[in-house]
Amino acid sequence: MALLPILTLPDPRLRIVSKPVESIDAEIQRLLDDMLETMYEAPGVGLAAIQVGAPKRIVVIDTAKQEEDRSPLFLINPEIIWASEELSTYNEGCLSVPEYYEDVQRPARVRLRHRDRKGELQEIDAEGLLATVIQHELDHLEGGLFIDHLSRLKRERVVKKFTKAARLEAAHRIAEQVTEDVDA
């Protein structure tokens, strides 16, 4: 298994709509394992394949608390087939929008249909944190981020902040490279 780099805002690849997985082969199994290891290391409770640069309809989730045994879910080609009218609010964060959290309102319960890592068709009824994480991760598969659920003003501020940080980081890398070239 390998740790994969996680894409962060403002990387445009986060806005790509992921494509369905046609067959669950060794490459997909390896991606699932690498995504799970990456998610645990980050640490996070969910990770979509697009967040590691793979535009495939794949999600890994584990909402177990640290003192509990790990209980990973592997979701391939997931789709929400029912959502409650009742809403709940969670303070969400995202590995692709690091160290930023906001309250997001979503359906309190969902029913999900997906294939597991063996290719078996499954259905899950979820509520609470699991329902929120499922919806959050499936947003990624459609090129969405949790900040899309915020007001336009809040969203623009977040994007501006991360765009500025990315420019500063790029300028710093260029300056380091120039310094190395001069010293060489």
C-alpha atoms as a PDB file:
ATOM      1  CA  MET A   1       0.000   0.000   0.000  1.00  0.00           C
ATOM      2  CA  ALA A   2       1.057   3.580  -0.615  1.00  0.00           C
ATOM      3  CA  LEU A   3       0.152   6.992   0.698  1.00  0.00           C
ATOM      4  CA  LEU A   4      -1.304   9.150  -2.068  1.00  0.00           C
ATOM      5  CA  PRO A   5      -1.080  12.955  -2.291  1.00  0.00           C
ATOM      6  CA  ILE A   6      -4.426  14.615  -1.536  1.00  0.00           C
ATOM      7  CA  LEU A   7      -5.503  17.395  -3.894  1.00  0.00           C
ATOM      8  CA  THR A   8      -6.469  20.638  -2.178  1.00  0.00           C
ATOM      9  CA  LEU A   9      -8.439  23.708  -3.144  1.00  0.00           C
ATOM     10  CA  PRO A  10      -8.014  25.447  -5.625  1.00  0.00           C
ATOM     11  CA  ASP A  11      -6.858  22.432  -7.693  1.00  0.00           C
ATOM     12  CA  PRO A  12      -9.267  22.311 -10.677  1.00  0.00           C
ATOM     13  CA  ARG A  13      -9.207  18.494 -10.736  1.00  0.00           C
ATOM     14  CA  LEU A  14     -11.469  18.559  -7.657  1.00  0.00           C
ATOM     15  CA  ARG A  15     -14.246  19.856  -9.948  1.00  0.00           C
ATOM     16  CA  ILE A  16     -14.080  16.889 -12.368  1.00  0.00           C
ATOM     17  CA  VAL A  17     -17.146  14.633 -12.468  1.00  0.00           C
ATOM     18  CA  SER A  18     -15.933  11.081 -11.788  1.00  0.00           C
ATOM     19  CA  LYS A  19     -16.595   8.235 -14.211  1.00  0.00           C
ATOM     20  CA  PRO A  20     -18.198   4.893 -13.275  1.00  0.00           C
ATOM     21  CA  VAL A  21     -15.936   1.925 -12.576  1.00  0.00           C
ATOM     22  CA  GLU A  22     -16.425  -0.688 -15.307  1.00  0.00           C
ATOM     23  CA  SER A  23     -14.693  -3.617 -13.595  1.00  0.00           C
ATOM     24  CA  ILE A  24     -13.205  -4.214 -10.172  1.00  0.00           C
ATOM     25  CA  ASP A  25      -9.743  -5.476 -11.051  1.00  0.00           C
ATOM     26  CA  ALA A  26      -6.376  -5.534  -9.261  1.00  0.00           C
ATOM     27  CA  GLU A  27      -5.774  -1.857 -10.100  1.00  0.00           C
ATOM     28  CA  ILE A  28      -9.069  -0.846  -8.447  1.00  0.00           C
ATOM     29  CA  GLN A  29      -8.325  -3.061  -5.420  1.00  0.00           C
ATOM     30  CA  ARG A  30      -4.916  -1.379  -5.059  1.00  0.00           C
ATOM     31  CA  LEU A  31      -6.517   2.072  -5.351  1.00  0.00           C
ATOM     32  CA  LEU A  32      -9.039   1.147  -2.632  1.00  0.00           C
ATOM     33  CA  ASP A  33      -6.250   0.006  -0.301  1.00  0.00           C
ATOM     34  CA  ASP A  34      -4.094   3.071  -1.015  1.00  0.00           C
ATOM     35  CA  MET A  35      -7.059   5.400  -0.495  1.00  0.00           C
ATOM     36  CA  LEU A  36      -7.891   3.755   2.830  1.00  0.00           C
ATOM     37  CA  GLU A  37      -4.298   4.046   4.050  1.00  0.00           C
ATOM     38  CA  THR A  38      -4.183   7.683   2.887  1.00  0.00           C
ATOM     39  CA  MET A  39      -7.476   8.482   4.643  1.00  0.00           C
ATOM     40  CA  TYR A  40      -6.350   6.923   7.938  1.00  0.00           C
ATOM     41  CA  GLU A  41      -2.985   8.715   7.793  1.00  0.00           C
ATOM     42  CA  ALA A  42      -4.517  12.144   7.012  1.00  0.00           C
ATOM     43  CA  PRO A  43      -6.576  11.493   9.317  1.00  0.00           C
ATOM     44  CA  GLY A  44     -10.094  11.585   7.887  1.00  0.00           C
ATOM     45  CA  VAL A  45     -13.364   9.656   7.920  1.00  0.00           C
ATOM     46  CA  GLY A  46     -13.948   9.619   4.159  1.00  0.00           C
ATOM     47  CA  LEU A  47     -12.038   9.997   0.905  1.00  0.00           C
ATOM     48  CA  ALA A  48     -13.208  10.063  -2.716  1.00  0.00           C
ATOM     49  CA  ALA A  49     -10.903   8.857  -5.494  1.00  0.00           C
ATOM     50  CA  ILE A  50     -10.949  12.260  -7.206  1.00  0.00           C
ATOM     51  CA  GLN A  51      -9.302  13.718  -4.083  1.00  0.00           C
ATOM     52  CA  VAL A  52      -6.210  11.654  -4.931  1.00  0.00           C
ATOM     53  CA  GLY A  53      -6.403  12.509  -8.624  1.00  0.00           C
ATOM     54  CA  ALA A  54      -8.351   9.448  -9.822  1.00  0.00           C
ATOM     55  CA  PRO A  55     -11.645  10.503 -11.488  1.00  0.00           C
ATOM     56  CA  LYS A  56     -13.400   7.226 -10.642  1.00  0.00           C
ATOM     57  CA  ARG A  57     -16.665   6.744  -8.734  1.00  0.00           C
ATOM     58  CA  ILE A  58     -14.957   5.272  -5.666  1.00  0.00           C
ATOM     59  CA  VAL A  59     -15.212   6.272  -2.010  1.00  0.00           C
ATOM     60  CA  VAL A  60     -13.733   4.855   1.194  1.00  0.00           C
ATOM     61  CA  ILE A  61     -15.309   5.660   4.570  1.00  0.00           C
ATOM     62  CA  ASP A  62     -14.656   4.724   8.174  1.00  0.00           C
ATOM     63  CA  THR A  63     -16.541   6.623  10.878  1.00  0.00           C
ATOM     64  CA  ALA A  64     -15.292   4.422  13.754  1.00  0.00           C
ATOM     65  CA  LYS A  65     -13.895   6.399  16.671  1.00  0.00           C
ATOM     66  CA  GLN A  66     -10.196   6.010  17.543  1.00  0.00           C
ATOM     67  CA  GLU A  67     -10.924   3.642  20.448  1.00  0.00           C
ATOM     68  CA  GLU A  68     -13.144   1.435  18.248  1.00  0.00           C
ATOM     69  CA  ASP A  69     -12.074  -1.240  15.772  1.00  0.00           C
ATOM     70  CA  ARG A  70     -11.734   0.025  12.230  1.00  0.00           C
ATOM     71  CA  SER A  71     -14.779  -0.625  10.090  1.00  0.00           C
ATOM     72  CA  PRO A  72     -14.044   0.543   6.529  1.00  0.00           C
ATOM     73  CA  LEU A  73     -16.676   0.824   3.825  1.00  0.00           C
ATOM     74  CA  PHE A  74     -15.657   0.546   0.180  1.00  0.00           C
ATOM     75  CA  LEU A  75     -18.187   2.206  -2.117  1.00  0.00           C
ATOM     76  CA  ILE A  76     -17.880   1.652  -5.850  1.00  0.00           C
ATOM     77  CA  ASN A  77     -20.325   3.442  -8.162  1.00  0.00           C
ATOM     78  CA  PRO A  78     -22.377   4.645  -5.179  1.00  0.00           C
ATOM     79  CA  GLU A  79     -25.711   6.372  -5.623  1.00  0.00           C
ATOM     80  CA  ILE A  80     -28.194   7.746  -3.129  1.00  0.00           C
ATOM     81  CA  ILE A  81     -31.564   6.191  -3.937  1.00  0.00           C
ATOM     82  CA  TRP A  82     -33.532   7.880  -1.129  1.00  0.00           C
ATOM     83  CA  ALA A  83     -33.035  10.822   1.202  1.00  0.00           C
ATOM     84  CA  SER A  84     -35.209  11.956   4.098  1.00  0.00           C
ATOM     85  CA  GLU A  85     -36.965  15.298   4.121  1.00  0.00           C
ATOM     86  CA  GLU A  86     -35.731  15.747   7.681  1.00  0.00           C
ATOM     87  CA  LEU A  87     -32.457  17.641   7.762  1.00  0.00           C
ATOM     88  CA  SER A  88     -29.501  17.610  10.147  1.00  0.00           C
ATOM     89  CA  THR A  89     -26.567  19.969  10.530  1.00  0.00           C
ATOM     90  CA  TYR A  90     -22.956  18.890  10.994  1.00  0.00           C
ATOM     91  CA  ASN A  91     -19.804  20.927  11.295  1.00  0.00           C
ATOM     92  CA  GLU A  92     -17.997  19.578   8.226  1.00  0.00           C
ATOM     93  CA  GLY A  93     -14.387  19.698   7.177  1.00  0.00           C
ATOM     94  CA  CYS A  94     -12.578  18.193   4.217  1.00  0.00           C
ATOM     95  CA  LEU A  95      -9.110  16.818   3.527  1.00  0.00           C
ATOM     96  CA  SER A  96      -9.160  18.872   0.308  1.00  0.00           C
ATOM     97  CA  VAL A  97     -10.033  22.084   2.192  1.00  0.00           C
ATOM     98  CA  PRO A  98      -7.653  21.616   5.139  1.00  0.00           C
ATOM     99  CA  GLU A  99      -8.289  23.217   8.504  1.00  0.00           C
ATOM    100  CA  TYR A 100     -11.564  24.847   7.449  1.00  0.00           C
ATOM    101  CA  TYR A 101     -14.885  23.854   9.024  1.00  0.00           C
ATOM    102  CA  GLU A 102     -18.460  25.079   8.586  1.00  0.00           C
ATOM    103  CA  ASP A 103     -21.955  23.904   9.468  1.00  0.00           C
ATOM    104  CA  VAL A 104     -23.669  22.203   6.526  1.00  0.00           C
ATOM    105  CA  GLN A 105     -27.290  21.087   6.427  1.00  0.00           C
ATOM    106  CA  ARG A 106     -28.108  17.831   4.623  1.00  0.00           C
ATOM    107  CA  PRO A 107     -30.788  15.119   4.728  1.00  0.00           C
ATOM    108  CA  ALA A 108     -30.634  13.312   8.088  1.00  0.00           C
ATOM    109  CA  ARG A 109     -31.026   9.836   6.566  1.00  0.00           C
ATOM    110  CA  VAL A 110     -30.146   8.291   3.197  1.00  0.00           C
ATOM    111  CA  ARG A 111     -30.313   4.941   1.456  1.00  0.00           C
ATOM    112  CA  LEU A 112     -27.252   4.154  -0.645  1.00  0.00           C
ATOM    113  CA  ARG A 113     -26.778   1.566  -3.377  1.00  0.00           C
ATOM    114  CA  HIS A 114     -23.218   0.613  -4.349  1.00  0.00           C
ATOM    115  CA  ARG A 115     -20.861  -2.209  -5.215  1.00  0.00           C
ATOM    116  CA  ASP A 116     -18.453  -3.409  -2.514  1.00  0.00           C
ATOM    117  CA  ARG A 117     -14.810  -4.297  -3.129  1.00  0.00           C
ATOM    118  CA  LYS A 118     -15.865  -7.774  -4.294  1.00  0.00           C
ATOM    119  CA  GLY A 119     -18.289  -6.302  -6.824  1.00  0.00           C
ATOM    120  CA  GLU A 120     -21.381  -7.342  -4.867  1.00  0.00           C
ATOM    121  CA  LEU A 121     -24.367  -4.993  -5.072  1.00  0.00           C
ATOM    122  CA  GLN A 122     -25.171  -3.599  -1.605  1.00  0.00           C
ATOM    123  CA  GLU A 123     -27.635  -1.193  -0.002  1.00  0.00           C
ATOM    124  CA  ILE A 124     -27.001   0.779   3.184  1.00  0.00           C
ATOM    125  CA  ASP A 125     -29.459   2.772   5.275  1.00  0.00           C
ATOM    126  CA  ALA A 126     -27.474   5.500   6.995  1.00  0.00           C
ATOM    127  CA  GLU A 127     -28.192   8.242   9.496  1.00  0.00           C
ATOM    128  CA  GLY A 128     -26.184  10.616  11.637  1.00  0.00           C
ATOM    129  CA  LEU A 129     -22.503  11.017  10.879  1.00  0.00           C
ATOM    130  CA  LEU A 130     -22.444   8.177   8.341  1.00  0.00           C
ATOM    131  CA  ALA A 131     -25.258   9.782   6.307  1.00  0.00           C
ATOM    132  CA  THR A 132     -23.396  13.096   6.340  1.00  0.00           C
ATOM    133  CA  VAL A 133     -20.080  11.522   5.281  1.00  0.00           C
ATOM    134  CA  ILE A 134     -21.761   9.570   2.474  1.00  0.00           C
ATOM    135  CA  GLN A 135     -23.371  12.731   1.090  1.00  0.00           C
ATOM    136  CA  HIS A 136     -20.147  14.722   1.495  1.00  0.00           C
ATOM    137  CA  GLU A 137     -18.093  12.124  -0.388  1.00  0.00           C
ATOM    138  CA  LEU A 138     -20.680  11.649  -3.136  1.00  0.00           C
ATOM    139  CA  ASP A 139     -20.570  15.425  -3.695  1.00  0.00           C
ATOM    140  CA  HIS A 140     -16.890  14.927  -4.618  1.00  0.00           C
ATOM    141  CA  LEU A 141     -17.871  12.391  -7.284  1.00  0.00           C
ATOM    142  CA  GLU A 142     -19.972  15.114  -8.925  1.00  0.00           C
ATOM    143  CA  GLY A 143     -17.155  17.671  -8.769  1.00  0.00           C
ATOM    144  CA  GLY A 144     -18.555  19.289  -5.635  1.00  0.00           C
ATOM    145  CA  LEU A 145     -17.100  20.406  -2.329  1.00  0.00           C
ATOM    146  CA  PHE A 146     -18.811  20.981   0.995  1.00  0.00           C
ATOM    147  CA  ILE A 147     -18.176  24.705   0.612  1.00  0.00           C
ATOM    148  CA  ASP A 148     -20.676  24.653  -2.283  1.00  0.00           C
ATOM    149  CA  HIS A 149     -23.386  24.345   0.406  1.00  0.00           C
ATOM    150  CA  LEU A 150     -22.319  27.641   2.016  1.00  0.00           C
ATOM    151  CA  SER A 151     -23.442  31.144   1.164  1.00  0.00           C
ATOM    152  CA  ARG A 152     -21.798  32.675  -1.888  1.00  0.00           C
ATOM    153  CA  LEU A 153     -19.901  35.155   0.285  1.00  0.00           C
ATOM    154  CA  LYS A 154     -18.443  32.465   2.591  1.00  0.00           C
ATOM    155  CA  ARG A 155     -17.550  30.257  -0.383  1.00  0.00           C
ATOM    156  CA  GLU A 156     -15.798  33.106  -2.216  1.00  0.00           C
ATOM    157  CA  ARG A 157     -13.793  33.967   0.910  1.00  0.00           C
ATOM    158  CA  VAL A 158     -12.633  30.365   1.309  1.00  0.00           C
ATOM    159  CA  VAL A 159     -11.671  30.016  -2.356  1.00  0.00           C
ATOM    160  CA  LYS A 160      -9.811  33.335  -2.238  1.00  0.00           C
ATOM    161  CA  LYS A 161      -7.923  32.269   0.905  1.00  0.00           C
ATOM    162  CA  PHE A 162      -6.833  28.924  -0.578  1.00  0.00           C
ATOM    163  CA  THR A 163      -5.978  30.453  -3.974  1.00  0.00           C
ATOM    164  CA  LYS A 164      -3.745  33.027  -2.265  1.00  0.00           C
ATOM    165  CA  ALA A 165      -2.074  30.313  -0.166  1.00  0.00           C
ATOM    166  CA  ALA A 166      -1.438  28.198  -3.292  1.00  0.00           C
ATOM    167  CA  ARG A 167       0.157  31.184  -5.080  1.00  0.00           C
ATOM    168  CA  LEU A 168       2.397  31.898  -2.079  1.00  0.00           C
ATOM    169  CA  GLU A 169       3.439  28.247  -1.883  1.00  0.00           C
ATOM    170  CA  ALA A 170       4.242  28.181  -5.618  1.00  0.00           C
ATOM    171  CA  ALA A 171       6.293  31.390  -5.304  1.00  0.00           C
ATOM    172  CA  HIS A 172       8.168  29.906  -2.343  1.00  0.00           C
ATOM    173  CA  ARG A 173       8.991  26.740  -4.335  1.00  0.00           C
ATOM    174  CA  ILE A 174      10.280  28.852  -7.231  1.00  0.00           C
ATOM    175  CA  ALA A 175      12.419  30.936  -4.865  1.00  0.00           C
ATOM    176  CA  GLU A 176      13.896  27.757  -3.322  1.00  0.00           C
ATOM    177  CA  GLN A 177      14.675  26.367  -6.789  1.00  0.00           C
ATOM    178  CA  VAL A 178      16.396  29.621  -7.832  1.00  0.00           C
ATOM    179  CA  THR A 179      18.436  29.564  -4.614  1.00  0.00           C
ATOM    180  CA  GLU A 180      19.465  25.941  -5.260  1.00  0.00           C
ATOM    181  CA  ASP A 181      20.418  26.761  -8.863  1.00  0.00           C
ATOM    182  CA  VAL A 182      22.526  29.755  -7.746  1.00  0.00           C
ATOM    183  CA  ASP A 183      24.260  27.699  -5.040  1.00  0.00           C
ATOM    184  CA  ALA A 184      25.011  24.873  -7.489  1.00  0.00           C
END
